[in-house]
C-alpha atoms as a PDB file:
ATOM      1  CA  MET A   1     171.240 131.812 118.575  1.00  0.00           C
ATOM      2  CA  THR A   2     170.761 131.740 115.086  1.00  0.00           C
ATOM      3  CA  ILE A   3     168.771 134.131 112.749  1.00  0.00           C
ATOM      4  CA  ALA A   4     168.398 133.174 109.360  1.00  0.00           C
ATOM      5  CA  HIS A   5     167.598 136.416 106.685  1.00  0.00           C
ATOM      6  CA  HIS A   6     166.485 137.022 103.223  1.00  0.00           C
ATOM      7  CA  THR A   7     168.718 138.776 101.012  1.00  0.00           C
ATOM      8  CA  ASP A   8     166.946 138.523  97.872  1.00  0.00           C
ATOM      9  CA  ALA A   9     163.329 138.619  97.259  1.00  0.00           C
ATOM     10  CA  PRO A  10     161.342 135.857  96.155  1.00  0.00           C
ATOM     11  CA  ALA A  11     160.235 135.305  92.839  1.00  0.00           C
ATOM     12  CA  SER A  12     157.106 136.099  93.275  1.00  0.00           C
ATOM     13  CA  ALA A  13     157.478 139.393  94.746  1.00  0.00           C
ATOM     14  CA  THR A  14     159.767 140.529  92.293  1.00  0.00           C
ATOM     15  CA  ARG A  15     156.796 140.382  89.188  1.00  0.00           C
ATOM     16  CA  GLN A  16     154.897 142.567  91.191  1.00  0.00           C
ATOM     17  CA  ALA A  17     155.297 146.586  90.771  1.00  0.00           C
ATOM     18  CA  PRO A  18     154.942 148.354  94.109  1.00  0.00           C
ATOM     19  CA  ALA A  19     151.507 148.774  95.498  1.00  0.00           C
ATOM     20  CA  SER A  20     149.732 150.924  98.591  1.00  0.00           C
ATOM     21  CA  VAL A  21     148.338 148.355 100.967  1.00  0.00           C
ATOM     22  CA  THR A  22     147.973 148.170 104.841  1.00  0.00           C
ATOM     23  CA  LEU A  23     149.901 146.492 107.123  1.00  0.00           C
ATOM     24  CA  ALA A  24     147.262 143.662 107.384  1.00  0.00           C
ATOM     25  CA  SER A  25     147.453 143.079 103.662  1.00  0.00           C
ATOM     26  CA  ALA A  26     151.510 142.977 103.786  1.00  0.00           C
ATOM     27  CA  LEU A  27     151.158 140.294 106.267  1.00  0.00           C
ATOM     28  CA  ASN A  28     148.740 138.372 104.182  1.00  0.00           C
ATOM     29  CA  ALA A  29     151.394 138.859 101.234  1.00  0.00           C
ATOM     30  CA  ALA A  30     153.809 137.356 103.164  1.00  0.00           C
ATOM     31  CA  LEU A  31     152.174 134.609 104.438  1.00  0.00           C
ATOM     32  CA  ALA A  32     150.940 133.977 100.708  1.00  0.00           C
ATOM     33  CA  ASP A  33     154.567 134.058  99.492  1.00  0.00           C
ATOM     34  CA  ALA A  34     156.153 131.726 102.163  1.00  0.00           C
ATOM     35  CA  LEU A  35     153.458 129.289 101.417  1.00  0.00           C
ATOM     36  CA  ALA A  36     154.121 129.459  97.903  1.00  0.00           C
ATOM     37  CA  ASP A  37     158.108 129.229  98.069  1.00  0.00           C
ATOM     38  CA  ASP A  38     157.953 126.345 100.732  1.00  0.00           C
ATOM     39  CA  PRO A  39     156.007 123.420 101.169  1.00  0.00           C
ATOM     40  CA  SER A  40     157.162 122.922 104.760  1.00  0.00           C
ATOM     41  CA  VAL A  41     155.292 126.278 105.859  1.00  0.00           C
ATOM     42  CA  VAL A  42     151.518 125.589 107.244  1.00  0.00           C
ATOM     43  CA  VAL A  43     149.346 128.052 108.885  1.00  0.00           C
ATOM     44  CA  PHE A  44     146.844 127.494 111.617  1.00  0.00           C
ATOM     45  CA  GLY A  45     145.102 128.768 114.396  1.00  0.00           C
ATOM     46  CA  GLU A  46     142.020 129.973 115.538  1.00  0.00           C
ATOM     47  CA  ASP A  47     139.493 131.091 113.051  1.00  0.00           C
ATOM     48  CA  VAL A  48     142.287 131.368 109.829  1.00  0.00           C
ATOM     49  CA  GLY A  49     140.654 129.190 107.337  1.00  0.00           C
ATOM     50  CA  PRO A  50     137.747 130.170 105.742  1.00  0.00           C
ATOM     51  CA  LEU A  51     137.048 133.392 107.712  1.00  0.00           C
ATOM     52  CA  GLY A  52     140.430 134.528 107.135  1.00  0.00           C
ATOM     53  CA  GLY A  53     141.314 135.388 110.806  1.00  0.00           C
ATOM     54  CA  VAL A  54     139.528 138.288 112.985  1.00  0.00           C
ATOM     55  CA  PHE A  55     141.712 140.881 111.211  1.00  0.00           C
ATOM     56  CA  ARG A  56     141.249 139.125 108.190  1.00  0.00           C
ATOM     57  CA  VAL A  57     145.109 138.502 108.037  1.00  0.00           C
ATOM     58  CA  THR A  58     144.823 135.156 106.280  1.00  0.00           C
ATOM     59  CA  ASP A  59     141.709 136.093 103.988  1.00  0.00           C
ATOM     60  CA  GLY A  60     141.505 133.716 101.136  1.00  0.00           C
ATOM     61  CA  LEU A  61     144.517 131.520 101.809  1.00  0.00           C
ATOM     62  CA  ALA A  62     142.709 128.721 103.107  1.00  0.00           C
ATOM     63  CA  ALA A  63     140.790 128.639  98.981  1.00  0.00           C
ATOM     64  CA  ARG A  64     144.504 129.353  97.459  1.00  0.00           C
ATOM     65  CA  PHE A  65     146.242 126.299  99.317  1.00  0.00           C
ATOM     66  CA  GLY A  66     143.751 124.036 100.668  1.00  0.00           C
ATOM     67  CA  GLU A  67     142.793 122.945 103.899  1.00  0.00           C
ATOM     68  CA  THR A  68     146.316 120.802 104.022  1.00  0.00           C
ATOM     69  CA  ARG A  69     148.007 124.231 104.381  1.00  0.00           C
ATOM     70  CA  VAL A  70     145.727 126.555 105.931  1.00  0.00           C
ATOM     71  CA  TRP A  71     143.689 125.486 108.529  1.00  0.00           C
ATOM     72  CA  ASP A  72     141.324 125.982 111.358  1.00  0.00           C
ATOM     73  CA  SER A  73     142.575 124.871 114.800  1.00  0.00           C
ATOM     74  CA  PRO A  74     140.561 124.149 118.515  1.00  0.00           C
ATOM     75  CA  LEU A  75     139.977 126.899 120.595  1.00  0.00           C
ATOM     76  CA  ALA A  76     142.912 125.519 122.616  1.00  0.00           C
ATOM     77  CA  GLU A  77     146.133 127.954 122.629  1.00  0.00           C
ATOM     78  CA  ALA A  78     148.480 125.222 124.576  1.00  0.00           C
ATOM     79  CA  GLY A  79     147.241 122.431 122.221  1.00  0.00           C
ATOM     80  CA  ILE A  80     147.807 124.790 119.062  1.00  0.00           C
ATOM     81  CA  VAL A  81     151.373 125.494 119.911  1.00  0.00           C
ATOM     82  CA  GLY A  82     151.970 122.144 121.262  1.00  0.00           C
ATOM     83  CA  THR A  83     151.292 120.719 117.973  1.00  0.00           C
ATOM     84  CA  ALA A  84     153.306 123.455 116.176  1.00  0.00           C
ATOM     85  CA  ILE A  85     156.067 121.925 118.156  1.00  0.00           C
ATOM     86  CA  GLY A  86     155.615 118.567 117.408  1.00  0.00           C
ATOM     87  CA  MET A  87     155.449 119.423 113.005  1.00  0.00           C
ATOM     88  CA  ALA A  88     158.588 121.426 113.916  1.00  0.00           C
ATOM     89  CA  MET A  89     160.274 118.396 115.311  1.00  0.00           C
ATOM     90  CA  ASN A  90     159.448 116.516 112.200  1.00  0.00           C
ATOM     91  CA  GLY A  91     160.703 119.132 109.359  1.00  0.00           C
ATOM     92  CA  MET A  92     157.734 121.763 109.179  1.00  0.00           C
ATOM     93  CA  ARG A  93     157.605 125.210 109.532  1.00  0.00           C
ATOM     94  CA  PRO A  94     154.555 125.944 111.257  1.00  0.00           C
ATOM     95  CA  VAL A  95     152.982 129.398 111.215  1.00  0.00           C
ATOM     96  CA  VAL A  96     150.296 129.960 114.152  1.00  0.00           C
ATOM     97  CA  GLU A  97     148.296 132.814 115.196  1.00  0.00           C
ATOM     98  CA  LEU A  98     146.890 133.373 118.724  1.00  0.00           C
ATOM     99  CA  GLN A  99     144.407 135.447 118.211  1.00  0.00           C
ATOM    100  CA  PHE A 100     144.614 138.235 120.579  1.00  0.00           C
ATOM    101  CA  ASP A 101     147.677 139.217 122.893  1.00  0.00           C
ATOM    102  CA  ALA A 102     146.098 138.012 126.334  1.00  0.00           C
ATOM    103  CA  PHE A 103     144.652 134.702 124.348  1.00  0.00           C
ATOM    104  CA  SER A 104     148.491 133.737 124.488  1.00  0.00           C
ATOM    105  CA  TYR A 105     148.365 133.044 127.955  1.00  0.00           C
ATOM    106  CA  PRO A 106     147.099 129.521 127.908  1.00  0.00           C
ATOM    107  CA  ALA A 107     149.879 128.619 125.823  1.00  0.00           C
ATOM    108  CA  PHE A 108     152.558 130.099 127.881  1.00  0.00           C
ATOM    109  CA  GLU A 109     153.805 126.817 129.735  1.00  0.00           C
ATOM    110  CA  GLN A 110     154.415 125.682 126.019  1.00  0.00           C
ATOM    111  CA  ILE A 111     156.201 128.513 125.033  1.00  0.00           C
ATOM    112  CA  THR A 112     158.416 129.051 127.831  1.00  0.00           C
ATOM    113  CA  SER A 113     159.091 125.433 129.038  1.00  0.00           C
ATOM    114  CA  HIS A 114     159.461 123.494 125.860  1.00  0.00           C
ATOM    115  CA  LEU A 115     159.577 126.041 122.216  1.00  0.00           C
ATOM    116  CA  ALA A 116     161.787 128.183 123.905  1.00  0.00           C
ATOM    117  CA  LYS A 117     164.581 125.535 125.365  1.00  0.00           C
ATOM    118  CA  MET A 118     164.265 122.246 123.063  1.00  0.00           C
ATOM    119  CA  ARG A 119     167.168 123.608 121.016  1.00  0.00           C
ATOM    120  CA  ASN A 120     169.421 124.347 124.304  1.00  0.00           C
ATOM    121  CA  ARG A 121     168.041 121.125 125.499  1.00  0.00           C
ATOM    122  CA  THR A 122     169.377 118.883 122.752  1.00  0.00           C
ATOM    123  CA  LYS A 123     172.602 120.544 122.275  1.00  0.00           C
ATOM    124  CA  GLY A 124     171.424 121.975 119.183  1.00  0.00           C
ATOM    125  CA  ARG A 125     170.253 118.884 117.217  1.00  0.00           C
ATOM    126  CA  VAL A 126     166.725 119.457 117.541  1.00  0.00           C
ATOM    127  CA  GLN A 127     165.544 122.913 115.825  1.00  0.00           C
ATOM    128  CA  LEU A 128     162.154 124.446 116.184  1.00  0.00           C
ATOM    129  CA  PRO A 129     161.011 126.870 113.358  1.00  0.00           C
ATOM    130  CA  VAL A 130     157.799 127.702 114.794  1.00  0.00           C
ATOM    131  CA  VAL A 131     156.458 131.303 114.147  1.00  0.00           C
ATOM    132  CA  ILE A 132     153.435 132.383 116.788  1.00  0.00           C
ATOM    133  CA  ARG A 133     151.919 135.709 115.274  1.00  0.00           C
ATOM    134  CA  ILE A 134     150.213 137.358 118.322  1.00  0.00           C
ATOM    135  CA  PRO A 135     147.892 140.513 117.492  1.00  0.00           C
ATOM    136  CA  TYR A 136     149.021 142.671 120.501  1.00  0.00           C
ATOM    137  CA  ALA A 137     148.637 145.863 122.350  1.00  0.00           C
ATOM    138  CA  GLY A 138     145.398 148.749 122.355  1.00  0.00           C
ATOM    139  CA  GLY A 139     143.974 151.545 120.483  1.00  0.00           C
ATOM    140  CA  ILE A 140     141.098 149.552 118.812  1.00  0.00           C
ATOM    141  CA  GLY A 141     138.381 149.823 121.237  1.00  0.00           C
ATOM    142  CA  GLY A 142     138.902 146.405 122.404  1.00  0.00           C
ATOM    143  CA  VAL A 143     137.500 145.051 125.847  1.00  0.00           C
ATOM    144  CA  GLU A 144     139.540 143.175 128.484  1.00  0.00           C
ATOM    145  CA  HIS A 145     141.646 140.527 127.186  1.00  0.00           C
ATOM    146  CA  HIS A 146     141.805 142.052 123.617  1.00  0.00           C
ATOM    147  CA  SER A 147     144.366 145.226 124.103  1.00  0.00           C
ATOM    148  CA  ASP A 148     147.786 143.708 126.417  1.00  0.00           C
ATOM    149  CA  SER A 149     151.278 144.399 125.421  1.00  0.00           C
ATOM    150  CA  SER A 150     152.641 140.674 126.602  1.00  0.00           C
ATOM    151  CA  GLU A 151     156.157 141.790 124.762  1.00  0.00           C
ATOM    152  CA  ALA A 152     158.048 141.447 128.134  1.00  0.00           C
ATOM    153  CA  TYR A 153     156.472 138.200 128.927  1.00  0.00           C
ATOM    154  CA  TRP A 154     158.136 136.978 126.002  1.00  0.00           C
ATOM    155  CA  THR A 155     161.643 138.843 125.903  1.00  0.00           C
ATOM    156  CA  HIS A 156     162.307 137.417 129.560  1.00  0.00           C
ATOM    157  CA  THR A 157     162.609 134.146 127.768  1.00  0.00           C
ATOM    158  CA  PRO A 158     165.827 133.090 126.420  1.00  0.00           C
ATOM    159  CA  GLY A 159     165.765 131.410 123.448  1.00  0.00           C
ATOM    160  CA  LEU A 160     163.039 133.184 121.903  1.00  0.00           C
ATOM    161  CA  THR A 161     163.345 136.343 119.263  1.00  0.00           C
ATOM    162  CA  VAL A 162     160.561 138.649 119.721  1.00  0.00           C
ATOM    163  CA  VAL A 163     159.985 141.104 116.861  1.00  0.00           C
ATOM    164  CA  THR A 164     157.175 143.686 116.201  1.00  0.00           C
ATOM    165  CA  PRO A 165     156.948 145.785 112.610  1.00  0.00           C
ATOM    166  CA  SER A 166     155.499 149.295 112.655  1.00  0.00           C
ATOM    167  CA  ASN A 167     154.735 149.316 108.737  1.00  0.00           C
ATOM    168  CA  PRO A 168     153.302 147.779 106.149  1.00  0.00           C
ATOM    169  CA  THR A 169     156.997 146.927 104.419  1.00  0.00           C
ATOM    170  CA  ASP A 170     158.522 145.977 107.692  1.00  0.00           C
ATOM    171  CA  ALA A 171     155.471 143.619 108.343  1.00  0.00           C
ATOM    172  CA  TYR A 172     156.245 141.613 105.194  1.00  0.00           C
ATOM    173  CA  TRP A 173     159.787 141.065 105.161  1.00  0.00           C
ATOM    174  CA  MET A 174     160.062 140.466 108.796  1.00  0.00           C
ATOM    175  CA  LEU A 175     157.484 137.755 108.488  1.00  0.00           C
ATOM    176  CA  ARG A 176     159.261 136.637 105.588  1.00  0.00           C
ATOM    177  CA  GLN A 177     162.525 136.564 107.831  1.00  0.00           C
ATOM    178  CA  ALA A 178     161.043 134.978 110.419  1.00  0.00           C
ATOM    179  CA  ILE A 179     159.333 132.183 108.696  1.00  0.00           C
ATOM    180  CA  SER A 180     162.896 131.273 107.118  1.00  0.00           C
ATOM    181  CA  SER A 181     164.544 131.238 110.689  1.00  0.00           C
ATOM    182  CA  ASP A 182     165.329 127.942 112.492  1.00  0.00           C
ATOM    183  CA  ASP A 183     164.620 129.409 115.761  1.00  0.00           C
ATOM    184  CA  PRO A 184     161.235 130.101 117.511  1.00  0.00           C
ATOM    185  CA  ILE A 185     159.845 133.554 116.661  1.00  0.00           C
ATOM    186  CA  VAL A 186     156.928 135.451 118.395  1.00  0.00           C
ATOM    187  CA  PHE A 187     155.875 137.804 116.066  1.00  0.00           C
ATOM    188  CA  LEU A 188     153.626 140.485 118.012  1.00  0.00           C
ATOM    189  CA  GLU A 189     151.851 142.632 115.367  1.00  0.00           C
ATOM    190  CA  PRO A 190     149.970 146.036 116.555  1.00  0.00           C
ATOM    191  CA  LYS A 191     146.463 145.955 116.092  1.00  0.00           C
ATOM    192  CA  SER A 192     146.211 149.568 115.913  1.00  0.00           C
ATOM    193  CA  ARG A 193     148.233 150.068 112.764  1.00  0.00           C
ATOM    194  CA  TYR A 194     146.628 147.129 110.953  1.00  0.00           C
ATOM    195  CA  TRP A 195     145.101 149.445 108.730  1.00  0.00           C
ATOM    196  CA  MET A 196     148.127 151.844 108.090  1.00  0.00           C
ATOM    197  CA  LYS A 197     148.871 151.842 104.527  1.00  0.00           C
ATOM    198  CA  GLU A 198     151.706 152.923 102.486  1.00  0.00           C
ATOM    199  CA  THR A 199     153.818 151.578  99.354  1.00  0.00           C
ATOM    200  CA  LEU A 200     155.159 148.062  99.632  1.00  0.00           C
ATOM    201  CA  ASP A 201     158.337 147.932  99.168  1.00  0.00           C
ATOM    202  CA  ARG A 202     159.000 143.662  98.144  1.00  0.00           C
ATOM    203  CA  SER A 203     162.418 144.226  96.241  1.00  0.00           C
ATOM    204  CA  ARG A 204     164.426 143.665  99.580  1.00  0.00           C
ATOM    205  CA  PRO A 205     164.049 143.762 103.356  1.00  0.00           C
ATOM    206  CA  GLN A 206     164.767 147.301 105.013  1.00  0.00           C
ATOM    207  CA  ALA A 207     167.112 145.888 107.747  1.00  0.00           C
ATOM    208  CA  PRO A 208     168.041 142.278 108.787  1.00  0.00           C
ATOM    209  CA  LEU A 209     166.056 140.881 111.527  1.00  0.00           C
ATOM    210  CA  ASP A 210     167.833 141.685 114.301  1.00  0.00           C
ATOM    211  CA  ARG A 211     168.491 145.269 113.758  1.00  0.00           C
ATOM    212  CA  ALA A 212     166.907 148.432 114.511  1.00  0.00           C
ATOM    213  CA  ARG A 213     166.757 151.423 112.210  1.00  0.00           C
ATOM    214  CA  VAL A 214     166.695 155.055 112.832  1.00  0.00           C
ATOM    215  CA  ILE A 215     163.744 156.090 110.688  1.00  0.00           C
ATOM    216  CA  ARG A 216     164.495 159.996 111.592  1.00  0.00           C
ATOM    217  CA  THR A 217     167.458 161.598 112.502  1.00  0.00           C
ATOM    218  CA  GLY A 218     168.132 164.231 115.194  1.00  0.00           C
ATOM    219  CA  THR A 219     170.715 165.696 117.654  1.00  0.00           C
ATOM    220  CA  ASP A 220     168.777 166.368 120.643  1.00  0.00           C
ATOM    221  CA  VAL A 221     167.476 163.480 122.113  1.00  0.00           C
ATOM    222  CA  THR A 222     166.812 159.605 121.231  1.00  0.00           C
ATOM    223  CA  LEU A 223     163.286 158.172 121.173  1.00  0.00           C
ATOM    224  CA  MET A 224     163.011 154.390 121.151  1.00  0.00           C
ATOM    225  CA  ALA A 225     159.693 153.258 119.950  1.00  0.00           C
ATOM    226  CA  TYR A 226     158.292 149.671 118.404  1.00  0.00           C
ATOM    227  CA  GLY A 227     155.098 148.448 116.695  1.00  0.00           C
ATOM    228  CA  PRO A 228     151.935 150.744 117.731  1.00  0.00           C
ATOM    229  CA  THR A 229     154.309 153.573 119.441  1.00  0.00           C
ATOM    230  CA  VAL A 230     156.563 154.287 116.462  1.00  0.00           C
ATOM    231  CA  LYS A 231     153.578 156.889 114.891  1.00  0.00           C
ATOM    232  CA  THR A 232     153.661 157.855 118.370  1.00  0.00           C
ATOM    233  CA  ALA A 233     157.137 158.969 118.446  1.00  0.00           C
ATOM    234  CA  LEU A 234     157.011 160.637 115.248  1.00  0.00           C
ATOM    235  CA  ASP A 235     154.283 162.641 115.920  1.00  0.00           C
ATOM    236  CA  ALA A 236     155.939 163.695 119.205  1.00  0.00           C
ATOM    237  CA  ALA A 237     159.228 164.500 117.083  1.00  0.00           C
ATOM    238  CA  GLU A 238     157.023 166.780 115.124  1.00  0.00           C
ATOM    239  CA  LEU A 239     155.693 168.421 117.710  1.00  0.00           C
ATOM    240  CA  ALA A 240     159.019 168.998 119.497  1.00  0.00           C
ATOM    241  CA  GLU A 241     160.097 170.366 116.076  1.00  0.00           C
ATOM    242  CA  LEU A 242     158.241 173.260 116.840  1.00  0.00           C
ATOM    243  CA  GLU A 243     160.084 173.891 120.219  1.00  0.00           C
ATOM    244  CA  ASP A 244     162.990 173.808 118.371  1.00  0.00           C
ATOM    245  CA  LEU A 245     164.226 170.666 119.689  1.00  0.00           C
ATOM    246  CA  SER A 246     165.642 167.919 117.523  1.00  0.00           C
ATOM    247  CA  VAL A 247     164.369 164.369 117.996  1.00  0.00           C
ATOM    248  CA  GLU A 248     166.013 161.099 116.827  1.00  0.00           C
ATOM    249  CA  VAL A 249     163.614 158.287 116.346  1.00  0.00           C
ATOM    250  CA  ILE A 250     164.633 154.467 116.312  1.00  0.00           C
ATOM    251  CA  ASP A 251     161.930 151.669 115.399  1.00  0.00           C
ATOM    252  CA  LEU A 252     163.403 149.069 117.522  1.00  0.00           C
ATOM    253  CA  ARG A 253     161.731 146.259 115.404  1.00  0.00           C
ATOM    254  CA  THR A 254     163.378 143.218 117.310  1.00  0.00           C
ATOM    255  CA  LEU A 255     162.910 143.505 120.710  1.00  0.00           C
ATOM    256  CA  SER A 256     165.125 140.361 121.538  1.00  0.00           C
ATOM    257  CA  PRO A 257     167.966 140.023 120.644  1.00  0.00           C
ATOM    258  CA  PHE A 258     168.089 143.900 121.437  1.00  0.00           C
ATOM    259  CA  ASP A 259     170.293 146.505 118.815  1.00  0.00           C
ATOM    260  CA  ASP A 260     172.434 147.904 121.454  1.00  0.00           C
ATOM    261  CA  GLU A 261     175.053 149.098 119.054  1.00  0.00           C
ATOM    262  CA  THR A 262     172.291 151.156 116.593  1.00  0.00           C
ATOM    263  CA  VAL A 263     170.903 152.542 119.813  1.00  0.00           C
ATOM    264  CA  GLY A 264     173.986 153.216 121.679  1.00  0.00           C
ATOM    265  CA  ALA A 265     175.236 155.138 118.708  1.00  0.00           C
ATOM    266  CA  SER A 266     172.385 157.204 118.821  1.00  0.00           C
ATOM    267  CA  ALA A 267     172.075 157.755 122.617  1.00  0.00           C
ATOM    268  CA  ARG A 268     175.878 159.038 122.615  1.00  0.00           C
ATOM    269  CA  LYS A 269     175.347 161.190 119.856  1.00  0.00           C
ATOM    270  CA  THR A 270     172.471 162.628 121.110  1.00  0.00           C
ATOM    271  CA  SER A 271     173.645 162.363 125.001  1.00  0.00           C
ATOM    272  CA  ARG A 272     169.480 162.056 125.902  1.00  0.00           C
ATOM    273  CA  ALA A 273     167.090 158.750 125.463  1.00  0.00           C
ATOM    274  CA  ALA A 274     163.619 158.083 126.158  1.00  0.00           C
ATOM    275  CA  VAL A 275     161.459 154.709 125.299  1.00  0.00           C
ATOM    276  CA  ILE A 276     157.790 154.639 124.753  1.00  0.00           C
ATOM    277  CA  HIS A 277     155.675 151.485 125.367  1.00  0.00           C
ATOM    278  CA  GLU A 278     151.962 150.957 125.789  1.00  0.00           C
ATOM    279  CA  ALA A 279     152.242 148.233 128.863  1.00  0.00           C
ATOM    280  CA  ALA A 280     152.312 149.291 131.996  1.00  0.00           C
ATOM    281  CA  GLN A 281     155.690 150.941 133.725  1.00  0.00           C
ATOM    282  CA  PHE A 282     156.613 148.999 136.435  1.00  0.00           C
ATOM    283  CA  GLY A 283     158.543 145.854 135.155  1.00  0.00           C
ATOM    284  CA  GLY A 284     157.878 146.384 131.505  1.00  0.00           C
ATOM    285  CA  TYR A 285     160.163 146.509 128.875  1.00  0.00           C
ATOM    286  CA  GLY A 286     161.131 149.948 129.061  1.00  0.00           C
ATOM    287  CA  ALA A 287     162.920 148.942 132.037  1.00  0.00           C
ATOM    288  CA  GLU A 288     165.278 146.867 130.403  1.00  0.00           C
ATOM    289  CA  VAL A 289     165.930 149.744 127.415  1.00  0.00           C
ATOM    290  CA  ALA A 290     166.883 152.339 129.886  1.00  0.00           C
ATOM    291  CA  ALA A 291     169.070 150.053 131.743  1.00  0.00           C
ATOM    292  CA  ARG A 292     171.181 148.933 128.898  1.00  0.00           C
ATOM    293  CA  VAL A 293     171.297 151.964 127.260  1.00  0.00           C
ATOM    294  CA  THR A 294     172.453 153.589 130.966  1.00  0.00           C
ATOM    295  CA  GLU A 295     175.049 150.678 131.767  1.00  0.00           C
ATOM    296  CA  ARG A 296     176.695 150.829 128.374  1.00  0.00           C
ATOM    297  CA  ASN A 297     176.558 154.765 127.719  1.00  0.00           C
ATOM    298  CA  PHE A 298     176.457 156.267 131.210  1.00  0.00           C
ATOM    299  CA  PHE A 299     179.578 158.711 130.601  1.00  0.00           C
ATOM    300  CA  HIS A 300     177.652 159.820 127.699  1.00  0.00           C
ATOM    301  CA  LEU A 301     174.337 160.679 129.266  1.00  0.00           C
ATOM    302  CA  ALA A 302     173.595 164.008 130.330  1.00  0.00           C
ATOM    303  CA  ALA A 303     170.489 162.583 132.218  1.00  0.00           C
ATOM    304  CA  PRO A 304     168.455 159.788 132.928  1.00  0.00           C
ATOM    305  CA  VAL A 305     166.742 157.512 130.350  1.00  0.00           C
ATOM    306  CA  LEU A 306     162.787 158.374 130.774  1.00  0.00           C
ATOM    307  CA  ARG A 307     160.000 155.725 130.139  1.00  0.00           C
ATOM    308  CA  ILE A 308     156.593 156.977 128.967  1.00  0.00           C
ATOM    309  CA  THR A 309     154.153 154.225 128.989  1.00  0.00           C
ATOM    310  CA  GLY A 310     150.919 152.940 129.905  1.00  0.00           C
ATOM    311  CA  PHE A 311     149.872 153.480 133.506  1.00  0.00           C
ATOM    312  CA  ASP A 312     149.764 150.408 136.545  1.00  0.00           C
ATOM    313  CA  ILE A 313     146.629 149.142 135.842  1.00  0.00           C
ATOM    314  CA  PRO A 314     144.835 146.718 134.483  1.00  0.00           C
ATOM    315  CA  TYR A 315     143.837 147.718 130.780  1.00  0.00           C
ATOM    316  CA  PRO A 316     141.107 149.923 131.183  1.00  0.00           C
ATOM    317  CA  SER A 317     137.646 149.940 129.208  1.00  0.00           C
ATOM    318  CA  PRO A 318     137.332 151.268 125.767  1.00  0.00           C
ATOM    319  CA  LYS A 319     136.190 154.543 126.986  1.00  0.00           C
ATOM    320  CA  LEU A 320     138.747 155.399 129.144  1.00  0.00           C
ATOM    321  CA  GLU A 321     141.761 153.966 126.781  1.00  0.00           C
ATOM    322  CA  GLU A 322     142.798 157.159 125.275  1.00  0.00           C
ATOM    323  CA  TYR A 323     143.787 158.276 128.709  1.00  0.00           C
ATOM    324  CA  TYR A 324     145.665 155.329 129.151  1.00  0.00           C
ATOM    325  CA  LEU A 325     147.692 155.048 126.295  1.00  0.00           C
ATOM    326  CA  PRO A 326     150.735 157.291 125.331  1.00  0.00           C
ATOM    327  CA  THR A 327     150.385 160.121 123.421  1.00  0.00           C
ATOM    328  CA  ALA A 328     152.925 162.695 121.665  1.00  0.00           C
ATOM    329  CA  GLU A 329     151.922 165.166 124.171  1.00  0.00           C
ATOM    330  CA  ARG A 330     152.714 163.277 127.151  1.00  0.00           C
ATOM    331  CA  VAL A 331     155.894 162.352 125.646  1.00  0.00           C
ATOM    332  CA  LEU A 332     157.136 166.248 125.544  1.00  0.00           C
ATOM    333  CA  ALA A 333     155.719 166.668 128.968  1.00  0.00           C
ATOM    334  CA  ALA A 334     158.376 163.883 129.766  1.00  0.00           C
ATOM    335  CA  LEU A 335     161.169 165.491 128.154  1.00  0.00           C
ATOM    336  CA  ASP A 336     160.079 168.713 129.970  1.00  0.00           C
ATOM    337  CA  THR A 337     160.958 166.835 133.425  1.00  0.00           C
ATOM    338  CA  TRP A 338     164.736 167.156 132.219  1.00  0.00           C
ATOM    339  CA  GLU A 339     166.641 169.764 133.368  1.00  0.00           C
ATOM    340  CA  TRP A 340     168.106 171.170 129.683  1.00  0.00           C
END
């Protein structure tokens, strides 16, 4: 599998001074720059046209680029992805939005049986540069079908690259890198972080698309997180510091392929590791992370790799989600189960 990376900023980005923007606005800027720089890029999906998407990520793009570049699709996820596959086979670079995490399931067969397999099936002769944007996870008071964490379905599928940003700068650059890739990419957008703001650095990407990033250094514990739980991990690290516990935090960023090098180096340094995610624990993505870290670093670990996750139940009603989602306090309680 090959992943194309932008190493230089686009001309449209270098002319603009740094600005504080939301994660949603950073994604909008990435889509706008990609549309401006490459005529083969198109954006379509449910309500992404004049409305600008449920979360306004595509706001203004239809008016700027016209209905032949940005348009509304029918409410038919299998049809959206199937259309994107056909367009990609004919030289286009479609970016599609599946409005909510659980809404992606009707497209499951198209994604897993065709999008993920076409390059291998044709011995590399057919490339499918398709980006599937999926707002995912909870924390917004959403009802059923609006708060799923579906990452394990996609990471279990060979042939797909699966990524998730946790901050505006990563959101901008990871989406630019994803659109430029010749492989299909599932781009998971953490809904609860759409409104977080920071200064957007459009001068260069923070890391290659397939690399994790150490965002806080520490010596006692390696805490791995991604997307919505990165903030949880950072909050837990600050609380742990009050107890004289030094926590290193890794933003995994790309869930598949997995960055064994960055994670392994940290786990060997601290000798203890834990992973956080919102999805249910059984069969979740954290199980794969724990297994990989253990298999590759067993003799450097002083304790089992922990998983701090959602519970093994369907996603609860909005009034109960605060009890379901992992918190910094739950992270510290889990770390206290180790014998130090």
